[in-house]
């Protein structure tokens, strides 16, 4: 790689990690709001019918962890290429 070419994968990796952490936090907030809404409702129709539709908190958290893993891998690869330059 060029003298500064290794920096691009490191930056992309850090962006992936930040986006992944954001998705994890978003998923935890959505999950908390969902279960708090269940506690305050007299009927559990929202729980059984899944209406109104909400983003699935589990999917957000899993996607966040995947993005963190990919980001760390990309950043490590960029660091390895930077050390070899």
PDB file of N, CA and C in Angstrom:
ATOM      1  N   UNK A   1       0.839  -1.179   0.000  1.00  0.00           N
ATOM      2  CA  UNK A   1       0.000   0.000   0.000  1.00  0.00           C
ATOM      3  C   UNK A   1       0.882   1.241   0.000  1.00  0.00           C
ATOM      4  N   UNK A   2       0.281   2.341  -0.404  1.00  0.00           N
ATOM      5  CA  UNK A   2       1.029   3.591  -0.381  1.00  0.00           C
ATOM      6  C   UNK A   2       1.309   3.992   1.060  1.00  0.00           C
ATOM      7  N   UNK A   3       2.060   5.061   1.219  1.00  0.00           N
ATOM      8  CA  UNK A   3       2.476   5.446   2.569  1.00  0.00           C
ATOM      9  C   UNK A   3       1.289   5.779   3.467  1.00  0.00           C
ATOM     10  N   UNK A   4       0.209   6.319   2.931  1.00  0.00           N
ATOM     11  CA  UNK A   4      -0.967   6.628   3.746  1.00  0.00           C
ATOM     12  C   UNK A   4      -2.174   5.767   3.372  1.00  0.00           C
ATOM     13  N   UNK A   5      -2.008   4.830   2.453  1.00  0.00           N
ATOM     14  CA  UNK A   5      -3.115   3.986   2.012  1.00  0.00           C
ATOM     15  C   UNK A   5      -3.659   3.082   3.098  1.00  0.00           C
ATOM     16  N   UNK A   6      -2.856   2.748   4.073  1.00  0.00           N
ATOM     17  CA  UNK A   6      -3.304   1.883   5.160  1.00  0.00           C
ATOM     18  C   UNK A   6      -4.281   2.594   6.082  1.00  0.00           C
ATOM     19  N   UNK A   7      -4.286   3.922   6.046  1.00  0.00           N
ATOM     20  CA  UNK A   7      -5.150   4.693   6.938  1.00  0.00           C
ATOM     21  C   UNK A   7      -6.632   4.539   6.573  1.00  0.00           C
ATOM     22  N   UNK A   8      -6.924   4.345   5.309  1.00  0.00           N
ATOM     23  CA  UNK A   8      -8.318   4.220   4.870  1.00  0.00           C
ATOM     24  C   UNK A   8      -9.003   3.016   5.511  1.00  0.00           C
ATOM     25  N   UNK A   9      -8.417   1.806   5.485  1.00  0.00           N
ATOM     26  CA  UNK A   9      -9.096   0.688   6.157  1.00  0.00           C
ATOM     27  C   UNK A   9      -9.260   0.901   7.657  1.00  0.00           C
ATOM     28  N   UNK A  10      -8.319   1.569   8.282  1.00  0.00           N
ATOM     29  CA  UNK A  10      -8.438   1.831   9.722  1.00  0.00           C
ATOM     30  C   UNK A  10      -9.626   2.753   9.978  1.00  0.00           C
ATOM     31  N   UNK A  11      -9.759   3.799   9.180  1.00  0.00           N
ATOM     32  CA  UNK A  11     -10.881   4.730   9.346  1.00  0.00           C
ATOM     33  C   UNK A  11     -12.201   4.020   9.072  1.00  0.00           C
ATOM     34  N   UNK A  12     -12.259   3.223   8.016  1.00  0.00           N
ATOM     35  CA  UNK A  12     -13.484   2.473   7.713  1.00  0.00           C
ATOM     36  C   UNK A  12     -13.812   1.520   8.858  1.00  0.00           C
ATOM     37  N   UNK A  13     -12.813   0.872   9.413  1.00  0.00           N
ATOM     38  CA  UNK A  13     -13.036  -0.024  10.546  1.00  0.00           C
ATOM     39  C   UNK A  13     -13.592   0.700  11.752  1.00  0.00           C
ATOM     40  N   UNK A  14     -13.052   1.875  12.038  1.00  0.00           N
ATOM     41  CA  UNK A  14     -13.542   2.664  13.174  1.00  0.00           C
ATOM     42  C   UNK A  14     -14.984   3.110  12.927  1.00  0.00           C
ATOM     43  N   UNK A  15     -15.296   3.492  11.691  1.00  0.00           N
ATOM     44  CA  UNK A  15     -16.673   3.884  11.366  1.00  0.00           C
ATOM     45  C   UNK A  15     -17.618   2.706  11.569  1.00  0.00           C
ATOM     46  N   UNK A  16     -17.225   1.515  11.135  1.00  0.00           N
ATOM     47  CA  UNK A  16     -18.051   0.327  11.342  1.00  0.00           C
ATOM     48  C   UNK A  16     -18.267   0.067  12.830  1.00  0.00           C
ATOM     49  N   UNK A  17     -17.221   0.200  13.615  1.00  0.00           N
ATOM     50  CA  UNK A  17     -17.346  -0.024  15.061  1.00  0.00           C
ATOM     51  C   UNK A  17     -18.320   0.986  15.663  1.00  0.00           C
ATOM     52  N   UNK A  18     -18.199   2.245  15.289  1.00  0.00           N
ATOM     53  CA  UNK A  18     -19.096   3.270  15.826  1.00  0.00           C
ATOM     54  C   UNK A  18     -20.543   3.027  15.404  1.00  0.00           C
ATOM     55  N   UNK A  19     -20.752   2.673  14.137  1.00  0.00           N
ATOM     56  CA  UNK A  19     -22.110   2.362  13.685  1.00  0.00           C
ATOM     57  C   UNK A  19     -22.664   1.137  14.403  1.00  0.00           C
ATOM     58  N   UNK A  20     -21.822   0.149  14.616  1.00  0.00           N
ATOM     59  CA  UNK A  20     -22.257  -1.049  15.332  1.00  0.00           C
ATOM     60  C   UNK A  20     -22.648  -0.750  16.762  1.00  0.00           C
ATOM     61  N   UNK A  21     -21.846   0.060  17.441  1.00  0.00           N
ATOM     62  CA  UNK A  21     -22.187   0.440  18.815  1.00  0.00           C
ATOM     63  C   UNK A  21     -23.477   1.248  18.848  1.00  0.00           C
ATOM     64  N   UNK A  22     -23.670   2.103  17.854  1.00  0.00           N
ATOM     65  CA  UNK A  22     -24.921   2.858  17.766  1.00  0.00           C
ATOM     66  C   UNK A  22     -26.123   1.948  17.592  1.00  0.00           C
ATOM     67  N   UNK A  23     -25.985   0.918  16.755  1.00  0.00           N
ATOM     68  CA  UNK A  23     -27.083  -0.027  16.543  1.00  0.00           C
ATOM     69  C   UNK A  23     -27.371  -0.831  17.806  1.00  0.00           C
ATOM     70  N   UNK A  24     -26.338  -1.205  18.531  1.00  0.00           N
ATOM     71  CA  UNK A  24     -26.533  -1.952  19.782  1.00  0.00           C
ATOM     72  C   UNK A  24     -27.283  -1.091  20.792  1.00  0.00           C
ATOM     73  N   UNK A  25     -26.872   0.153  20.935  1.00  0.00           N
ATOM     74  CA  UNK A  25     -27.541   1.053  21.878  1.00  0.00           C
ATOM     75  C   UNK A  25     -28.984   1.292  21.447  1.00  0.00           C
ATOM     76  N   UNK A  26     -29.208   1.496  20.150  1.00  0.00           N
ATOM     77  CA  UNK A  26     -30.557   1.703  19.628  1.00  0.00           C
ATOM     78  C   UNK A  26     -31.432   0.483  19.915  1.00  0.00           C
ATOM     79  N   UNK A  27     -30.890  -0.704  19.710  1.00  0.00           N
ATOM     80  CA  UNK A  27     -31.636  -1.929  19.980  1.00  0.00           C
ATOM     81  C   UNK A  27     -32.003  -2.073  21.444  1.00  0.00           C
ATOM     82  N   UNK A  28     -31.083  -1.733  22.328  1.00  0.00           N
ATOM     83  CA  UNK A  28     -31.381  -1.818  23.764  1.00  0.00           C
ATOM     84  C   UNK A  28     -32.463  -0.821  24.161  1.00  0.00           C
ATOM     85  N   UNK A  29     -32.412   0.385  23.596  1.00  0.00           N
ATOM     86  CA  UNK A  29     -33.448   1.382  23.889  1.00  0.00           C
ATOM     87  C   UNK A  29     -34.810   0.922  23.384  1.00  0.00           C
ATOM     88  N   UNK A  30     -34.854   0.396  22.152  1.00  0.00           N
ATOM     89  CA  UNK A  30     -36.123  -0.078  21.599  1.00  0.00           C
ATOM     90  C   UNK A  30     -36.692  -1.214  22.440  1.00  0.00           C
ATOM     91  N   UNK A  31     -35.828  -2.116  22.880  1.00  0.00           N
ATOM     92  CA  UNK A  31     -36.276  -3.230  23.707  1.00  0.00           C
ATOM     93  C   UNK A  31     -36.844  -2.722  25.033  1.00  0.00           C
ATOM     94  N   UNK A  32     -36.175  -1.764  25.628  1.00  0.00           N
ATOM     95  CA  UNK A  32     -36.649  -1.199  26.900  1.00  0.00           C
ATOM     96  C   UNK A  32     -37.988  -0.495  26.709  1.00  0.00           C
ATOM     97  N   UNK A  33     -38.119   0.306  25.628  1.00  0.00           N
ATOM     98  CA  UNK A  33     -39.390   0.987  25.373  1.00  0.00           C
ATOM     99  C   UNK A  33     -40.511  -0.019  25.132  1.00  0.00           C
ATOM    100  N   UNK A  34     -40.203  -1.094  24.431  1.00  0.00           N
ATOM    101  CA  UNK A  34     -41.213  -2.103  24.123  1.00  0.00           C
ATOM    102  C   UNK A  34     -41.721  -2.758  25.400  1.00  0.00           C
ATOM    103  N   UNK A  35     -40.814  -3.186  26.258  1.00  0.00           N
ATOM    104  CA  UNK A  35     -41.242  -3.858  27.481  1.00  0.00           C
ATOM    105  C   UNK A  35     -41.844  -2.888  28.489  1.00  0.00           C
ATOM    106  N   UNK A  36     -41.394  -1.644  28.503  1.00  0.00           N
ATOM    107  CA  UNK A  36     -42.039  -0.650  29.360  1.00  0.00           C
ATOM    108  C   UNK A  36     -43.468  -0.380  28.895  1.00  0.00           C
ATOM    109  N   UNK A  37     -43.687  -0.394  27.580  1.00  0.00           N
ATOM    110  CA  UNK A  37     -45.042  -0.196  27.055  1.00  0.00           C
ATOM    111  C   UNK A  37     -45.942  -1.359  27.454  1.00  0.00           C
ATOM    112  N   UNK A  38     -45.390  -2.560  27.517  1.00  0.00           N
ATOM    113  CA  UNK A  38     -46.191  -3.716  27.930  1.00  0.00           C
ATOM    114  C   UNK A  38     -46.647  -3.582  29.373  1.00  0.00           C
ATOM    115  N   UNK A  39     -45.796  -3.052  30.211  1.00  0.00           N
ATOM    116  CA  UNK A  39     -46.120  -2.944  31.630  1.00  0.00           C
ATOM    117  C   UNK A  39     -47.254  -1.953  31.857  1.00  0.00           C
ATOM    118  N   UNK A  40     -47.291  -0.877  31.072  1.00  0.00           N
ATOM    119  CA  UNK A  40     -48.291   0.162  31.298  1.00  0.00           C
ATOM    120  C   UNK A  40     -49.619  -0.120  30.607  1.00  0.00           C
ATOM    121  N   UNK A  41     -49.687  -1.079  29.709  1.00  0.00           N
ATOM    122  CA  UNK A  41     -50.927  -1.357  28.968  1.00  0.00           C
ATOM    123  C   UNK A  41     -51.825  -2.293  29.759  1.00  0.00           C
ATOM    124  N   UNK A  42     -53.122  -2.007  29.671  1.00  0.00           N
ATOM    125  CA  UNK A  42     -54.080  -2.893  30.316  1.00  0.00           C
ATOM    126  C   UNK A  42     -54.300  -4.151  29.480  1.00  0.00           C
ATOM    127  N   UNK A  43     -54.286  -4.005  28.168  1.00  0.00           N
ATOM    128  CA  UNK A  43     -54.391  -5.186  27.313  1.00  0.00           C
ATOM    129  C   UNK A  43     -53.046  -5.411  26.630  1.00  0.00           C
ATOM    130  N   UNK A  44     -52.810  -6.611  26.251  1.00  0.00           N
ATOM    131  CA  UNK A  44     -51.514  -6.959  25.653  1.00  0.00           C
ATOM    132  C   UNK A  44     -51.637  -7.193  24.154  1.00  0.00           C
ATOM    133  N   UNK A  45     -52.584  -6.491  23.519  1.00  0.00           N
ATOM    134  CA  UNK A  45     -52.799  -6.694  22.093  1.00  0.00           C
ATOM    135  C   UNK A  45     -51.533  -6.381  21.289  1.00  0.00           C
ATOM    136  N   UNK A  46     -50.815  -5.321  21.674  1.00  0.00           N
ATOM    137  CA  UNK A  46     -49.591  -4.974  20.950  1.00  0.00           C
ATOM    138  C   UNK A  46     -48.575  -6.106  21.032  1.00  0.00           C
ATOM    139  N   UNK A  47     -48.516  -6.756  22.169  1.00  0.00           N
ATOM    140  CA  UNK A  47     -47.568  -7.850  22.344  1.00  0.00           C
ATOM    141  C   UNK A  47     -47.933  -9.043  21.466  1.00  0.00           C
ATOM    142  N   UNK A  48     -49.212  -9.371  21.415  1.00  0.00           N
ATOM    143  CA  UNK A  48     -49.634 -10.550  20.663  1.00  0.00           C
ATOM    144  C   UNK A  48     -49.741 -10.283  19.166  1.00  0.00           C
ATOM    145  N   UNK A  49     -50.250  -9.120  18.781  1.00  0.00           N
ATOM    146  CA  UNK A  49     -50.468  -8.818  17.365  1.00  0.00           C
ATOM    147  C   UNK A  49     -49.260  -8.180  16.690  1.00  0.00           C
ATOM    148  N   UNK A  50     -48.302  -7.728  17.478  1.00  0.00           N
ATOM    149  CA  UNK A  50     -47.119  -7.021  16.951  1.00  0.00           C
ATOM    150  C   UNK A  50     -47.538  -5.785  16.158  1.00  0.00           C
ATOM    151  N   UNK A  51     -48.566  -5.078  16.642  1.00  0.00           N
ATOM    152  CA  UNK A  51     -49.022  -3.869  15.985  1.00  0.00           C
ATOM    153  C   UNK A  51     -49.070  -2.752  16.995  1.00  0.00           C
ATOM    154  N   UNK A  52     -48.518  -1.615  16.795  1.00  0.00           N
ATOM    155  CA  UNK A  52     -47.836  -1.143  15.590  1.00  0.00           C
ATOM    156  C   UNK A  52     -46.463  -1.795  15.438  1.00  0.00           C
ATOM    157  N   UNK A  53     -46.057  -1.912  14.181  1.00  0.00           N
ATOM    158  CA  UNK A  53     -44.777  -2.563  13.899  1.00  0.00           C
ATOM    159  C   UNK A  53     -43.630  -1.721  14.452  1.00  0.00           C
ATOM    160  N   UNK A  54     -42.668  -2.390  15.040  1.00  0.00           N
ATOM    161  CA  UNK A  54     -41.471  -1.741  15.577  1.00  0.00           C
ATOM    162  C   UNK A  54     -40.249  -2.468  15.028  1.00  0.00           C
ATOM    163  N   UNK A  55     -39.124  -1.744  14.951  1.00  0.00           N
ATOM    164  CA  UNK A  55     -37.903  -2.457  14.579  1.00  0.00           C
ATOM    165  C   UNK A  55     -37.596  -3.507  15.641  1.00  0.00           C
ATOM    166  N   UNK A  56     -37.215  -4.654  15.206  1.00  0.00           N
ATOM    167  CA  UNK A  56     -36.933  -5.718  16.167  1.00  0.00           C
ATOM    168  C   UNK A  56     -35.632  -5.413  16.897  1.00  0.00           C
ATOM    169  N   UNK A  57     -35.691  -5.281  18.219  1.00  0.00           N
ATOM    170  CA  UNK A  57     -34.483  -4.943  18.976  1.00  0.00           C
ATOM    171  C   UNK A  57     -33.395  -6.007  18.856  1.00  0.00           C
ATOM    172  N   UNK A  58     -33.781  -7.261  18.773  1.00  0.00           N
ATOM    173  CA  UNK A  58     -32.784  -8.323  18.659  1.00  0.00           C
ATOM    174  C   UNK A  58     -31.984  -8.211  17.375  1.00  0.00           C
ATOM    175  N   UNK A  59     -32.673  -7.877  16.280  1.00  0.00           N
ATOM    176  CA  UNK A  59     -31.986  -7.738  14.996  1.00  0.00           C
ATOM    177  C   UNK A  59     -31.027  -6.557  15.018  1.00  0.00           C
ATOM    178  N   UNK A  60     -31.444  -5.471  15.658  1.00  0.00           N
ATOM    179  CA  UNK A  60     -30.549  -4.315  15.754  1.00  0.00           C
ATOM    180  C   UNK A  60     -29.298  -4.659  16.548  1.00  0.00           C
ATOM    181  N   UNK A  61     -29.468  -5.370  17.645  1.00  0.00           N
ATOM    182  CA  UNK A  61     -28.312  -5.708  18.479  1.00  0.00           C
ATOM    183  C   UNK A  61     -27.387  -6.690  17.765  1.00  0.00           C
ATOM    184  N   UNK A  62     -27.947  -7.685  17.103  1.00  0.00           N
ATOM    185  CA  UNK A  62     -27.115  -8.656  16.381  1.00  0.00           C
ATOM    186  C   UNK A  62     -26.375  -7.966  15.234  1.00  0.00           C
ATOM    187  N   UNK A  63     -27.080  -7.121  14.487  1.00  0.00           N
ATOM    188  CA  UNK A  63     -26.429  -6.369  13.415  1.00  0.00           C
ATOM    189  C   UNK A  63     -25.330  -5.469  13.935  1.00  0.00           C
ATOM    190  N   UNK A  64     -25.556  -4.899  15.108  1.00  0.00           N
ATOM    191  CA  UNK A  64     -24.525  -4.062  15.719  1.00  0.00           C
ATOM    192  C   UNK A  64     -23.284  -4.849  16.064  1.00  0.00           C
ATOM    193  N   UNK A  65     -23.472  -6.030  16.635  1.00  0.00           N
ATOM    194  CA  UNK A  65     -22.305  -6.858  16.979  1.00  0.00           C
ATOM    195  C   UNK A  65     -21.559  -7.316  15.729  1.00  0.00           C
ATOM    196  N   UNK A  66     -22.298  -7.608  14.660  1.00  0.00           N
ATOM    197  CA  UNK A  66     -21.644  -7.989  13.406  1.00  0.00           C
ATOM    198  C   UNK A  66     -20.829  -6.816  12.867  1.00  0.00           C
ATOM    199  N   UNK A  67     -21.409  -5.611  12.905  1.00  0.00           N
ATOM    200  CA  UNK A  67     -20.684  -4.430  12.424  1.00  0.00           C
ATOM    201  C   UNK A  67     -19.441  -4.161  13.264  1.00  0.00           C
ATOM    202  N   UNK A  68     -19.533  -4.365  14.575  1.00  0.00           N
ATOM    203  CA  UNK A  68     -18.360  -4.180  15.439  1.00  0.00           C
ATOM    204  C   UNK A  68     -17.272  -5.182  15.064  1.00  0.00           C
ATOM    205  N   UNK A  69     -17.650  -6.443  14.862  1.00  0.00           N
ATOM    206  CA  UNK A  69     -16.663  -7.471  14.506  1.00  0.00           C
ATOM    207  C   UNK A  69     -15.998  -7.161  13.167  1.00  0.00           C
ATOM    208  N   UNK A  70     -16.796  -6.769  12.176  1.00  0.00           N
ATOM    209  CA  UNK A  70     -16.236  -6.431  10.865  1.00  0.00           C
ATOM    210  C   UNK A  70     -15.328  -5.209  10.978  1.00  0.00           C
ATOM    211  N   UNK A  71     -15.751  -4.216  11.743  1.00  0.00           N
ATOM    212  CA  UNK A  71     -14.947  -3.008  11.915  1.00  0.00           C
ATOM    213  C   UNK A  71     -13.617  -3.282  12.575  1.00  0.00           C
ATOM    214  N   UNK A  72     -13.630  -4.116  13.603  1.00  0.00           N
ATOM    215  CA  UNK A  72     -12.373  -4.467  14.279  1.00  0.00           C
ATOM    216  C   UNK A  72     -11.452  -5.215  13.320  1.00  0.00           C
ATOM    217  N   UNK A  73     -12.017  -6.144  12.540  1.00  0.00           N
ATOM    218  CA  UNK A  73     -11.200  -6.898  11.585  1.00  0.00           C
ATOM    219  C   UNK A  73     -10.586  -5.970  10.536  1.00  0.00           C
ATOM    220  N   UNK A  74     -11.385  -5.047  10.007  1.00  0.00           N
ATOM    221  CA  UNK A  74     -10.866  -4.120   8.997  1.00  0.00           C
ATOM    222  C   UNK A  74      -9.785  -3.220   9.596  1.00  0.00           C
ATOM    223  N   UNK A  75     -10.014  -2.737  10.816  1.00  0.00           N
ATOM    224  CA  UNK A  75      -9.023  -1.868  11.456  1.00  0.00           C
ATOM    225  C   UNK A  75      -7.722  -2.622  11.720  1.00  0.00           C
ATOM    226  N   UNK A  76      -7.816  -3.872  12.135  1.00  0.00           N
ATOM    227  CA  UNK A  76      -6.607  -4.677  12.374  1.00  0.00           C
ATOM    228  C   UNK A  76      -5.847  -4.902  11.073  1.00  0.00           C
ATOM    229  N   UNK A  77      -6.579  -5.227  10.009  1.00  0.00           N
ATOM    230  CA  UNK A  77      -5.926  -5.435   8.712  1.00  0.00           C
ATOM    231  C   UNK A  77      -5.239  -4.149   8.255  1.00  0.00           C
ATOM    232  N   UNK A  78      -5.923  -3.010   8.418  1.00  0.00           N
ATOM    233  CA  UNK A  78      -5.301  -1.731   8.059  1.00  0.00           C
ATOM    234  C   UNK A  78      -4.065  -1.449   8.894  1.00  0.00           C
ATOM    235  N   UNK A  79      -4.121  -1.794  10.183  1.00  0.00           N
ATOM    236  CA  UNK A  79      -2.960  -1.607  11.049  1.00  0.00           C
ATOM    237  C   UNK A  79      -1.795  -2.493  10.654  1.00  0.00           C
ATOM    238  N   UNK A  80      -2.094  -3.719  10.253  1.00  0.00           N
ATOM    239  CA  UNK A  80      -1.036  -4.638   9.807  1.00  0.00           C
ATOM    240  C   UNK A  80      -0.366  -4.099   8.544  1.00  0.00           C
ATOM    241  N   UNK A  81      -1.191  -3.622   7.593  1.00  0.00           N
ATOM    242  CA  UNK A  81      -0.614  -3.055   6.375  1.00  0.00           C
ATOM    243  C   UNK A  81       0.177  -1.790   6.680  1.00  0.00           C
ATOM    244  N   UNK A  82      -0.262  -1.026   7.667  1.00  0.00           N
ATOM    245  CA  UNK A  82       0.456   0.195   8.038  1.00  0.00           C
ATOM    246  C   UNK A  82       1.790  -0.110   8.688  1.00  0.00           C
ATOM    247  N   UNK A  83       1.834  -1.185   9.474  1.00  0.00           N
ATOM    248  CA  UNK A  83       3.087  -1.556  10.132  1.00  0.00           C
ATOM    249  C   UNK A  83       4.100  -2.091   9.124  1.00  0.00           C
ATOM    250  N   UNK A  84       3.599  -2.705   8.055  1.00  0.00           N
ATOM    251  CA  UNK A  84       4.493  -3.263   7.047  1.00  0.00           C
ATOM    252  C   UNK A  84       5.016  -2.221   6.073  1.00  0.00           C
ATOM    253  N   UNK A  85       4.418  -1.029   6.072  1.00  0.00           N
ATOM    254  CA  UNK A  85       4.811  -0.006   5.090  1.00  0.00           C
ATOM    255  C   UNK A  85       6.065   0.700   5.482  1.00  0.00           C
TER     256      UNK A  85
END
